[in-house]
Structures are given as C-alpha cells and as structure tokens.
Amino acid sequence: MPDSRWPPEARGQLIREISPPTGERRVMLRAAVIQVVRHLVLRAVPPARRVPLFDQATSLLDEAGWGLDELAAAAEPGPARDALFRTLGLDGDS
C-alpha cells in the first residue's frame, strides 16, 4: 500500500529530485527494479544472481511505497510497469 503521508505525485517528485539516473545507469536501474519486483512477487533471486544495483532498486521501491498487489501488476510489461517507472523517475529514454 502506498505511503499515505504523501500523494502519489509528490512521492514521485521527491524520488526524482534525489538524482534521476540517465543513460546506461537508467537502463541498469530499470533492469534492477524489474528484478526486485519479480523477486518480491514471483520468485526469490539468490544473492549470487542479483544485478549490481539490486540493493539500490530495493531502496528506491521502498521509497515509492507500492504494495505487493501493485508490484505484482508491474512484474510484467504494461501500464502498471510504466506507472512504476514514472513514479520512480525512471521513465523516458534519456
């Protein structure tokens, strides 16, 4: 369940102000976010198989405040994943 202290648009803005990644780092962080989401809702990823930004992606997801039901919807490509990337400031191609 999202953190009710902040409206969704404010949480996304706070996360983006931290320092949105660009270029290759954005691509790597998006992959890490997908891996963490799938780790949480589908199948655990052993530590030895985790991508380098796994812990950072975990922290970023924690800040977003999404619940497991929302993350489950974002486990596969589609509108929920796009919304998650927007919330995390990872949308776009730059």
C-alpha atoms as a PDB file:
ATOM      1  CA  MET A   1       0.000   0.000   0.000  1.00  0.00           C
ATOM      2  CA  PRO A   2       1.444   3.411  -0.911  1.00  0.00           C
ATOM      3  CA  ASP A   3       2.566   5.654   1.933  1.00  0.00           C
ATOM      4  CA  SER A   4      -0.469   7.813   2.692  1.00  0.00           C
ATOM      5  CA  ARG A   5       1.641  10.664   4.081  1.00  0.00           C
ATOM      6  CA  TRP A   6       2.436  11.746   0.528  1.00  0.00           C
ATOM      7  CA  PRO A   7       0.154  11.835  -2.506  1.00  0.00           C
ATOM      8  CA  PRO A   8       1.470   9.685  -5.395  1.00  0.00           C
ATOM      9  CA  GLU A   9       2.576  12.669  -7.469  1.00  0.00           C
ATOM     10  CA  ALA A  10       4.570  14.073  -4.525  1.00  0.00           C
ATOM     11  CA  ARG A  11       6.306  10.742  -3.843  1.00  0.00           C
ATOM     12  CA  GLY A  12       7.363  10.540  -7.466  1.00  0.00           C
ATOM     13  CA  GLN A  13       8.604  14.131  -7.379  1.00  0.00           C
ATOM     14  CA  LEU A  14      10.588  13.507  -4.184  1.00  0.00           C
ATOM     15  CA  ILE A  15      12.204  10.440  -5.710  1.00  0.00           C
ATOM     16  CA  ARG A  16      13.058  12.287  -8.943  1.00  0.00           C
ATOM     17  CA  GLU A  17      14.674  15.143  -7.004  1.00  0.00           C
ATOM     18  CA  ILE A  18      17.134  12.723  -5.416  1.00  0.00           C
ATOM     19  CA  SER A  19      19.087  12.487  -8.674  1.00  0.00           C
ATOM     20  CA  PRO A  20      17.438  10.707 -11.550  1.00  0.00           C
ATOM     21  CA  PRO A  21      19.826   8.432 -13.403  1.00  0.00           C
ATOM     22  CA  THR A  22      20.462   8.948 -17.078  1.00  0.00           C
ATOM     23  CA  GLY A  23      21.770   6.882 -19.954  1.00  0.00           C
ATOM     24  CA  GLU A  24      23.256   3.495 -19.151  1.00  0.00           C
ATOM     25  CA  ARG A  25      22.712   3.863 -15.409  1.00  0.00           C
ATOM     26  CA  ARG A  26      18.963   4.432 -16.013  1.00  0.00           C
ATOM     27  CA  VAL A  27      18.845   1.253 -18.120  1.00  0.00           C
ATOM     28  CA  MET A  28      20.691  -0.694 -15.417  1.00  0.00           C
ATOM     29  CA  LEU A  29      18.470   0.648 -12.636  1.00  0.00           C
ATOM     30  CA  ARG A  30      15.306  -0.159 -14.589  1.00  0.00           C
ATOM     31  CA  ALA A  31      16.575  -3.751 -15.009  1.00  0.00           C
ATOM     32  CA  ALA A  32      17.335  -3.904 -11.294  1.00  0.00           C
ATOM     33  CA  VAL A  33      13.852  -2.610 -10.414  1.00  0.00           C
ATOM     34  CA  ILE A  34      12.289  -5.303 -12.593  1.00  0.00           C
ATOM     35  CA  GLN A  35      14.444  -7.952 -10.933  1.00  0.00           C
ATOM     36  CA  VAL A  36      13.494  -6.746  -7.423  1.00  0.00           C
ATOM     37  CA  VAL A  37       9.789  -6.626  -8.304  1.00  0.00           C
ATOM     38  CA  ARG A  38       9.925 -10.159  -9.684  1.00  0.00           C
ATOM     39  CA  HIS A  39      11.971 -11.222  -6.612  1.00  0.00           C
ATOM     40  CA  LEU A  40       9.249  -9.882  -4.322  1.00  0.00           C
ATOM     41  CA  VAL A  41       6.181 -11.215  -6.112  1.00  0.00           C
ATOM     42  CA  LEU A  42       7.200 -14.186  -8.277  1.00  0.00           C
ATOM     43  CA  ARG A  43      10.405 -15.979  -7.309  1.00  0.00           C
ATOM     44  CA  ALA A  44      13.299 -15.112  -4.995  1.00  0.00           C
ATOM     45  CA  VAL A  45      16.579 -14.240  -6.690  1.00  0.00           C
ATOM     46  CA  PRO A  46      19.596 -15.756  -4.903  1.00  0.00           C
ATOM     47  CA  PRO A  47      22.177 -13.147  -3.845  1.00  0.00           C
ATOM     48  CA  ALA A  48      24.764 -14.533  -6.258  1.00  0.00           C
ATOM     49  CA  ARG A  49      22.410 -13.932  -9.234  1.00  0.00           C
ATOM     50  CA  ARG A  50      21.340 -10.382  -8.353  1.00  0.00           C
ATOM     51  CA  VAL A  51      22.264  -7.485 -10.607  1.00  0.00           C
ATOM     52  CA  PRO A  52      24.706  -4.892  -9.191  1.00  0.00           C
ATOM     53  CA  LEU A  53      22.016  -2.262  -8.489  1.00  0.00           C
ATOM     54  CA  PHE A  54      19.643  -4.705  -6.755  1.00  0.00           C
ATOM     55  CA  ASP A  55      20.011  -3.076  -3.311  1.00  0.00           C
ATOM     56  CA  GLN A  56      19.599   0.431  -4.698  1.00  0.00           C
ATOM     57  CA  ALA A  57      16.480  -0.654  -6.589  1.00  0.00           C
ATOM     58  CA  THR A  58      15.112  -2.219  -3.395  1.00  0.00           C
ATOM     59  CA  SER A  59      15.568   1.069  -1.549  1.00  0.00           C
ATOM     60  CA  LEU A  60      14.004   3.025  -4.398  1.00  0.00           C
ATOM     61  CA  LEU A  61      10.961   0.723  -4.400  1.00  0.00           C
ATOM     62  CA  ASP A  62      10.671   1.089  -0.637  1.00  0.00           C
ATOM     63  CA  GLU A  63      10.574   4.875  -1.033  1.00  0.00           C
ATOM     64  CA  ALA A  64       7.844   4.573  -3.676  1.00  0.00           C
ATOM     65  CA  GLY A  65       5.595   2.866  -1.142  1.00  0.00           C
ATOM     66  CA  TRP A  66       3.847   0.500  -3.557  1.00  0.00           C
ATOM     67  CA  GLY A  67       2.070  -2.539  -2.143  1.00  0.00           C
ATOM     68  CA  LEU A  68       2.585  -6.123  -3.277  1.00  0.00           C
ATOM     69  CA  ASP A  69      -0.593  -6.089  -5.353  1.00  0.00           C
ATOM     70  CA  GLU A  70       0.667  -3.071  -7.298  1.00  0.00           C
ATOM     71  CA  LEU A  71       4.117  -4.606  -7.673  1.00  0.00           C
ATOM     72  CA  ALA A  72       2.584  -7.863  -8.889  1.00  0.00           C
ATOM     73  CA  ALA A  73       0.879  -5.938 -11.679  1.00  0.00           C
ATOM     74  CA  ALA A  74       4.232  -4.297 -12.528  1.00  0.00           C
ATOM     75  CA  ALA A  75       6.060  -7.641 -12.734  1.00  0.00           C
ATOM     76  CA  GLU A  76       5.235  -7.876 -16.432  1.00  0.00           C
ATOM     77  CA  PRO A  77       5.446  -5.223 -19.166  1.00  0.00           C
ATOM     78  CA  GLY A  78       2.410  -2.972 -19.389  1.00  0.00           C
ATOM     79  CA  PRO A  79       0.699   0.079 -17.902  1.00  0.00           C
ATOM     80  CA  ALA A  80       1.470  -0.841 -14.279  1.00  0.00           C
ATOM     81  CA  ARG A  81       5.196  -1.156 -15.003  1.00  0.00           C
ATOM     82  CA  ASP A  82       5.127   2.130 -16.925  1.00  0.00           C
ATOM     83  CA  ALA A  83       3.429   3.799 -13.948  1.00  0.00           C
ATOM     84  CA  LEU A  84       6.034   2.364 -11.586  1.00  0.00           C
ATOM     85  CA  PHE A  85       8.878   3.701 -13.722  1.00  0.00           C
ATOM     86  CA  ARG A  86       7.179   7.133 -13.803  1.00  0.00           C
ATOM     87  CA  THR A  87       6.811   7.090 -10.022  1.00  0.00           C
ATOM     88  CA  LEU A  88      10.485   6.194  -9.631  1.00  0.00           C
ATOM     89  CA  GLY A  89      11.637   8.810 -12.128  1.00  0.00           C
ATOM     90  CA  LEU A  90      12.860   6.099 -14.493  1.00  0.00           C
ATOM     91  CA  ASP A  91      10.507   6.792 -17.373  1.00  0.00           C
ATOM     92  CA  GLY A  92      11.713   8.059 -20.703  1.00  0.00           C
ATOM     93  CA  ASP A  93      14.736   7.132 -22.790  1.00  0.00           C
ATOM     94  CA  SER A  94      17.247   9.732 -21.638  1.00  0.00           C
END
